[in-house]
Protein backbone atom coordinates (compact mmCIF):
# COMPACT_ATOMS: atom_id res chain seq x y z
CA UNK A 1 -34.41 1.88 0.10
CA UNK A 2 -32.39 -1.06 2.09
CA UNK A 3 -32.06 -0.71 5.71
CA UNK A 4 -28.10 -0.90 5.22
CA UNK A 5 -28.34 1.93 2.63
CA UNK A 6 -30.50 4.09 4.87
CA UNK A 7 -28.11 3.54 7.84
CA UNK A 8 -25.23 4.47 5.52
CA UNK A 9 -26.90 7.66 4.48
CA UNK A 10 -27.73 8.45 7.94
CA UNK A 11 -24.24 8.09 9.00
CA UNK A 12 -23.12 10.59 6.22
CA UNK A 13 -25.80 13.18 7.42
CA UNK A 14 -24.73 12.98 10.97
CA UNK A 15 -21.18 13.16 10.36
CA UNK A 16 -21.79 16.56 8.70
CA UNK A 17 -19.82 15.39 5.77
CA UNK A 18 -19.36 17.69 2.58
CA UNK A 19 -21.36 16.62 -0.40
CA UNK A 20 -19.95 17.28 -3.82
CA UNK A 21 -22.37 17.59 -6.94
CA UNK A 22 -20.99 14.72 -9.06
CA UNK A 23 -21.78 16.90 -12.19
CA UNK A 24 -18.91 19.41 -11.00
CA UNK A 25 -16.14 16.70 -11.82
CA UNK A 26 -14.63 16.91 -15.34
CA UNK A 27 -12.22 14.83 -17.30
CA UNK A 28 -12.65 11.69 -14.94
CA UNK A 29 -10.01 9.10 -15.70
CA UNK A 30 -9.52 5.60 -14.06
CA UNK A 31 -5.99 5.38 -12.60
CA UNK A 32 -6.35 2.08 -10.28
CA UNK A 33 -8.40 -0.72 -9.55
CA UNK A 34 -8.24 -3.06 -6.75
CA UNK A 35 -9.85 -5.36 -4.20
CA UNK A 36 -11.64 -2.57 -2.37
CA UNK A 37 -12.49 -0.37 -5.37
CA UNK A 38 -11.65 1.75 -8.20
CA UNK A 39 -10.13 5.12 -8.24
CA UNK A 40 -10.43 8.02 -10.80
CA UNK A 41 -8.58 11.35 -11.37
CA UNK A 42 -10.78 14.27 -12.03
CA UNK A 43 -10.80 17.90 -12.10
CA UNK A 44 -13.01 19.49 -9.38
CA UNK A 45 -14.71 22.71 -10.66
CA UNK A 46 -15.43 23.44 -7.12
CA UNK A 47 -12.32 22.87 -5.40
CA UNK A 48 -10.40 24.28 -8.90
CA UNK A 49 -7.86 21.25 -8.56
CA UNK A 50 -7.33 17.66 -9.44
CA UNK A 51 -8.82 15.16 -6.78
CA UNK A 52 -9.09 11.43 -6.57
CA UNK A 53 -12.53 9.70 -6.54
CA UNK A 54 -12.56 6.49 -4.84
CA UNK A 55 -15.65 4.14 -5.10
CA UNK A 56 -15.84 0.95 -3.47
CA UNK A 57 -17.06 -2.25 -5.11
CA UNK A 58 -20.65 -2.83 -4.47
CA UNK A 59 -20.71 -6.52 -5.21
CA UNK A 60 -21.61 -7.71 -1.81
CA UNK A 61 -23.75 -7.00 1.33
CA UNK A 62 -21.25 -5.47 3.13
CA UNK A 63 -20.57 -2.54 0.83
CA UNK A 64 -22.09 0.23 2.86
CA UNK A 65 -20.44 -1.05 6.04
CA UNK A 66 -16.97 -1.07 4.13
CA UNK A 67 -17.63 2.47 3.13
CA UNK A 68 -18.54 3.80 6.52
CA UNK A 69 -15.72 1.97 8.05
CA UNK A 70 -13.15 3.81 5.64
CA UNK A 71 -14.92 6.82 6.00
CA UNK A 72 -14.73 6.66 9.69
CA UNK A 73 -10.98 5.90 9.81
CA UNK A 74 -10.26 8.82 7.39
CA UNK A 75 -12.14 11.33 9.42
CA UNK A 76 -10.47 10.24 12.67
CA UNK A 77 -7.07 11.14 10.99
CA UNK A 78 -7.96 14.00 8.46
CA UNK A 79 -5.84 16.81 8.07
CA UNK A 80 -2.51 15.53 8.92
CA UNK A 81 0.27 16.44 6.77
CA UNK A 82 1.42 12.89 5.97
CA UNK A 83 -2.04 11.31 5.62
CA UNK A 84 -3.90 11.53 2.22
CA UNK A 85 -6.72 14.43 2.87
CA UNK A 86 -10.34 13.75 2.53
CA UNK A 87 -12.66 16.43 1.34
CA UNK A 88 -15.87 14.94 1.09
CA UNK A 89 -18.32 12.36 -0.75
CA UNK A 90 -20.13 12.33 -4.14
CA UNK A 91 -22.80 10.49 -5.64
CA UNK A 92 -23.32 9.61 -9.48
CA UNK A 93 -26.98 9.74 -9.64
CA UNK A 94 -26.99 7.71 -12.83
CA UNK A 95 -25.58 4.81 -11.16
CA UNK A 96 -26.14 5.37 -7.37
CA UNK A 97 -22.46 4.94 -6.83
CA UNK A 98 -20.78 6.75 -3.94
CA UNK A 99 -17.34 8.18 -4.24
CA UNK A 100 -14.76 9.44 -1.65
CA UNK A 101 -13.35 12.66 -2.56
CA UNK A 102 -9.68 12.55 -1.78
CA UNK A 103 -6.50 14.41 -2.25
CA UNK A 104 -4.68 13.70 -5.54
CA UNK A 105 -1.00 13.06 -5.07
CA UNK A 106 0.63 14.00 -8.31
CA UNK A 107 3.87 12.32 -7.87
CA UNK A 108 2.75 8.61 -7.54
CA UNK A 109 3.24 5.95 -5.00
CA UNK A 110 6.61 5.48 -3.28
CA UNK A 111 7.53 2.23 -4.85
CA UNK A 112 7.41 3.71 -8.31
CA UNK A 113 8.93 7.16 -7.07
CA UNK A 114 11.86 5.17 -5.58
CA UNK A 115 12.54 3.19 -8.79
CA UNK A 116 12.55 6.43 -10.88
CA UNK A 117 14.35 8.75 -8.58
CA UNK A 118 16.48 6.81 -6.21
CA UNK A 119 19.69 7.80 -7.71
CA UNK A 120 18.90 11.52 -6.87
CA UNK A 121 17.89 11.08 -3.20
CA UNK A 122 20.66 11.95 -0.61
CA UNK A 123 20.47 10.92 3.04
CA UNK A 124 18.78 14.27 3.98
CA UNK A 125 15.96 13.51 1.67
CA UNK A 126 15.66 9.76 2.78
CA UNK A 127 15.49 10.71 6.46
CA UNK A 128 12.64 13.09 5.69
CA UNK A 129 10.87 10.25 3.81
CA UNK A 130 11.11 8.37 6.95
CA UNK A 131 9.95 10.85 9.12
CA UNK A 132 6.96 11.57 7.00
CA UNK A 133 5.75 8.03 7.04
CA UNK A 134 6.44 7.84 10.70
CA UNK A 135 4.71 11.05 11.46
CA UNK A 136 1.70 9.83 9.69
CA UNK A 137 1.62 6.46 11.48
CA UNK A 138 2.06 8.27 14.79
CA UNK A 139 -1.20 10.07 14.07
CA UNK A 140 -2.97 6.95 13.28
CA UNK A 141 -1.56 5.04 16.11
CA UNK A 142 -2.60 7.99 18.55
CA UNK A 143 -6.33 7.54 17.21
CA UNK A 144 -6.05 3.93 18.31
CA UNK A 145 -6.35 2.61 14.77
CA UNK A 146 -4.02 -0.12 13.13
CA UNK A 147 -3.53 0.50 9.45
CA UNK A 148 -2.53 -3.43 8.70
CA UNK A 149 -1.63 -2.75 5.09
CA UNK A 150 1.34 -0.58 5.22
CA UNK A 151 3.59 -1.00 2.14
CA UNK A 152 5.13 1.04 -0.53
CA UNK A 153 2.16 1.23 -2.88
CA UNK A 154 0.09 2.74 -0.04
CA UNK A 155 2.49 5.64 0.50
CA UNK A 156 1.84 8.47 -2.11
CA UNK A 157 4.27 11.22 -2.91
CA UNK A 158 2.99 14.61 -3.26
CA UNK A 159 5.22 17.74 -3.81
CA UNK A 160 8.07 16.44 -1.75
CA UNK A 161 5.80 15.14 1.08
CA UNK A 162 4.78 11.37 1.78
CA UNK A 163 1.34 10.37 2.31
CA UNK A 164 -0.23 7.39 3.91
CA UNK A 165 -3.39 6.20 2.08
CA UNK A 166 -5.76 3.42 1.91
CA UNK A 167 -7.58 3.01 5.26
CA UNK A 168 -9.82 0.34 3.98
CA UNK A 169 -8.16 -2.54 5.99
CA UNK A 170 -7.49 -0.30 9.03
CA UNK A 171 -9.15 -1.25 12.27
CA UNK A 172 -9.71 0.12 15.55
CA UNK A 173 -7.95 -1.78 18.46
CA UNK A 174 -11.48 -1.85 20.22
CA UNK A 175 -12.62 -4.33 17.81
CA UNK A 176 -12.55 -8.16 18.63
CA UNK A 177 -12.65 -9.25 14.92
CA UNK A 178 -9.96 -11.64 13.65
CA UNK A 179 -7.36 -10.28 11.34
CA UNK A 180 -7.25 -12.63 8.27
CA UNK A 181 -7.81 -10.26 5.47
CA UNK A 182 -5.51 -8.79 3.06
CA UNK A 183 -1.99 -7.21 3.46
CA UNK A 184 1.17 -7.69 1.27
CA UNK A 185 3.23 -10.62 2.54
CA UNK A 186 6.60 -9.01 2.50
CA UNK A 187 5.60 -6.33 4.73
CA UNK A 188 3.37 -8.61 7.08
CA UNK A 189 4.22 -9.35 10.89
CA UNK A 190 5.73 -12.81 10.89
CA UNK A 191 3.35 -13.68 13.58
CA UNK A 192 0.59 -12.98 11.32
CA UNK A 193 2.14 -15.19 8.52
CA UNK A 194 2.37 -18.23 10.88
CA UNK A 195 -1.03 -17.81 12.21
CA UNK A 196 -3.22 -15.80 9.83
CA UNK A 197 -6.57 -16.99 11.18
CA UNK A 198 -6.06 -16.37 14.80
CA UNK A 199 -3.28 -13.62 15.02
CA UNK A 200 -4.58 -10.18 15.85
CA UNK A 201 -2.62 -7.47 14.19
CA UNK A 202 -1.55 -4.61 16.63
CA UNK A 203 0.20 -1.42 16.43
CA UNK A 204 3.57 -3.64 16.73
CA UNK A 205 2.35 -5.14 13.28
CA UNK A 206 2.56 -1.64 11.68
CA UNK A 207 5.81 -0.90 13.32
CA UNK A 208 7.20 -4.18 11.58
CA UNK A 209 5.71 -3.00 8.27
CA UNK A 210 7.28 0.57 8.90
CA UNK A 211 10.68 -1.24 9.44
CA UNK A 212 10.46 -2.78 6.12
CA UNK A 213 9.26 0.46 4.46
CA UNK A 214 12.46 2.23 6.08
CA UNK A 215 14.81 -0.52 4.66
CA UNK A 216 13.05 0.07 1.35
CA UNK A 217 13.83 3.74 1.33
CA UNK A 218 17.61 2.76 2.03
CA UNK A 219 17.70 0.22 -0.80
CA UNK A 220 15.53 1.88 -3.54
CA UNK A 221 13.69 -1.41 -4.27
CA UNK A 222 10.97 -3.51 -2.56
CA UNK A 223 11.76 -6.39 -0.42
CA UNK A 224 12.45 -9.78 -2.30
CA UNK A 225 13.43 -12.13 0.43
CA UNK A 226 11.61 -15.40 0.34
CA UNK A 227 8.49 -15.26 2.69
CA UNK A 228 9.41 -18.60 4.18
CA UNK A 229 12.75 -17.40 5.30
CA UNK A 230 11.41 -14.51 7.12
CA UNK A 231 8.89 -16.55 9.19
CA UNK A 232 10.53 -19.74 9.51
CA UNK A 233 14.16 -18.86 9.68
CA UNK A 234 13.78 -15.21 11.02
CA UNK A 235 15.88 -13.83 8.22
CA UNK A 236 15.70 -10.21 7.17
CA UNK A 237 16.85 -8.21 4.07
CA UNK A 238 20.48 -7.12 4.31
CA UNK A 239 21.76 -3.76 5.09
CA UNK A 240 22.60 -1.61 2.19
CA UNK A 241 26.11 -0.19 1.99
CA UNK A 242 26.16 3.56 2.57
CA UNK A 243 23.25 3.36 5.06
CA UNK A 244 23.79 5.24 8.44
CA UNK A 245 24.42 2.75 11.03
CA UNK A 246 21.83 4.61 13.35
CA UNK A 247 19.30 4.15 10.65
CA UNK A 248 19.95 0.33 10.30
CA UNK A 249 19.35 0.14 14.13
CA UNK A 250 16.09 1.89 13.87
CA UNK A 251 14.59 -0.49 11.18
CA UNK A 252 16.30 -3.51 12.63
CA UNK A 253 14.46 -2.95 15.99
CA UNK A 254 11.21 -2.35 14.26
CA UNK A 255 11.20 -5.71 12.26
CA UNK A 256 12.12 -7.74 15.31
CA UNK A 257 10.29 -11.16 15.51
CA UNK A 258 8.90 -10.68 18.88
CA UNK A 259 6.37 -7.87 18.63
CA UNK A 260 6.89 -7.18 22.37
CA UNK A 261 10.57 -6.12 21.52
CA UNK A 262 9.63 -3.82 18.73
CA UNK A 263 9.70 -0.07 19.65
CA UNK A 264 6.67 2.35 19.82
CA UNK A 265 5.85 4.72 16.92
CA UNK A 266 6.95 7.44 19.26
CA UNK A 267 10.38 5.57 20.02
CA UNK A 268 11.14 5.47 16.31
CA UNK A 269 9.79 9.14 15.67
CA UNK A 270 12.28 10.30 18.41
CA UNK A 271 15.12 8.20 17.14
CA UNK A 272 14.71 9.70 13.58
CA UNK A 273 14.76 13.29 14.99
CA UNK A 274 18.05 12.46 16.80
CA UNK A 275 19.81 10.20 14.05
CA UNK A 276 23.52 10.68 13.59
CA UNK A 277 24.76 10.27 9.86
CA UNK A 278 28.46 10.09 10.51
CA UNK A 279 28.77 6.34 10.99
CA UNK A 280 28.07 4.55 7.66
CA UNK A 281 27.62 1.01 6.96
CA UNK A 282 29.95 -0.56 4.46
CA UNK A 283 30.77 -4.35 3.99
CA UNK A 284 33.27 -4.64 1.17
CA UNK A 285 32.13 -8.18 0.68
CA UNK A 286 28.72 -7.36 -0.15
CA UNK A 287 28.21 -6.03 -3.55
CA UNK A 288 24.43 -5.02 -3.41
CA UNK A 289 24.68 -3.33 -6.56
CA UNK A 290 25.81 -6.66 -8.34
CA UNK A 291 23.05 -8.47 -6.52
CA UNK A 292 20.30 -6.02 -7.85
CA UNK A 293 21.53 -5.83 -11.44
CA UNK A 294 21.57 -9.71 -11.53
CA UNK A 295 18.06 -10.05 -10.33
CA UNK A 296 15.89 -11.71 -13.24
CA UNK A 297 13.71 -9.42 -15.27
CA UNK A 298 10.66 -11.51 -14.11
CA UNK A 299 11.48 -11.01 -10.52
CA UNK A 300 11.78 -7.25 -11.17
CA UNK A 301 8.43 -7.39 -13.15
CA UNK A 302 6.72 -9.12 -10.26
CA UNK A 303 7.23 -6.01 -8.22
CA UNK A 304 6.90 -3.29 -10.76
CA UNK A 305 4.06 -4.31 -13.04
CA UNK A 306 1.23 -3.69 -10.51
CA UNK A 307 2.57 -0.05 -10.19
CA UNK A 308 -0.07 2.43 -9.93
CA UNK A 309 0.20 6.28 -9.55
CA UNK A 310 -1.79 8.66 -7.37
CA UNK A 311 -3.86 5.73 -5.99
CA UNK A 312 -4.51 3.83 -3.01
CA UNK A 313 -5.76 0.45 -4.39
CA UNK A 314 -4.02 -1.72 -6.78
CA UNK A 315 -4.95 -4.24 -9.53
CA UNK A 316 -5.06 -7.79 -8.28
CA UNK A 317 -3.45 -10.37 -10.47
CA UNK A 318 -5.34 -13.82 -11.00
CA UNK A 319 -1.90 -15.60 -11.16
CA UNK A 320 -1.02 -17.13 -7.73
CA UNK A 321 2.01 -18.50 -6.12
CA UNK A 322 1.97 -20.93 -3.21
CA UNK A 323 4.12 -20.20 -0.05
CA UNK A 324 3.78 -23.19 2.49
CA UNK A 325 -0.03 -23.11 3.35
CA UNK A 326 -0.57 -19.54 1.82
CA UNK A 327 -2.18 -18.96 -1.72
CA UNK A 328 -1.06 -15.51 -2.47
CA UNK A 329 -1.30 -13.30 -5.58
CA UNK A 330 2.08 -12.62 -7.55
CA UNK A 331 1.98 -9.22 -5.58
CA UNK A 332 2.43 -11.12 -2.33
CA UNK A 333 -1.11 -10.68 -0.93
CA UNK A 334 -2.77 -13.54 0.93
CA UNK A 335 -5.90 -14.52 -0.92
CA UNK A 336 -6.69 -17.80 0.60
CA UNK A 337 -5.16 -20.58 2.96
CA UNK A 338 -4.64 -24.28 1.80
CA UNK A 339 -5.51 -26.58 4.86
């Protein structure tokens, strides 16, 4: 047994993590695959319900380190109502593959959910959705963890509640490592977009991502503004007619360019608790419906074709587009830098 594997198994033992017999999972079905691993849906005979089994790719030396890192982050925030629940680990003895056993979110990811249900959502429901995400992030920040990968594919929907998932990129603020690794560009802190090799993402970076998510809840669609306009010109997505003005103020403050001017997660949580819905934004010259309907099908597909349900990781595309010095997948994820 390698020293890294021995250290990994020792970490599992010392954390008193529940071990599940792999043979007690039935009807396993792959539901997502991404850069960090593959997620399966399965029926747990022990828990008597559906669960998600997440295995990390074992194609490099850092596998055990990454597994323990995600496991550590999950344990720090486990059992919160708005964070995906962790039940334990399992090991397939035939392949020696380790799995995280996680809560299964039956209603899919937020992006897909908004696309399919937006016309049925009133502002009472939208505010609750915003509160759910904010509450989960509040817990993460209280544990001094930065998520670093908040977007609408990493928010799951389960029986009317929103759950933050995928803590694989999350990092303690105590670490000194740099930030250049992963993330969806449209939700990324502009400071990171300008200097991805040296910019250390912070809680304020998560606040920026949250601001984009709150706008997405108001619009029912993912952000589509060109990345270069965001970090060069400082532009942001336009407010949507019918949105409470208090809500616009909340997400506009969250996505300010200067991270020092962004509110804390507590500020946002308190603002949502006290939001007033009487004053509604309405620009008669802004036909957002026509704008959305006139988007090319290719543009819409770029945001929707990678949709997964009940999963925290997404399938990467081999096709890439260049934005300035960035090379990104067509999902908007940084994959390399052109110097």
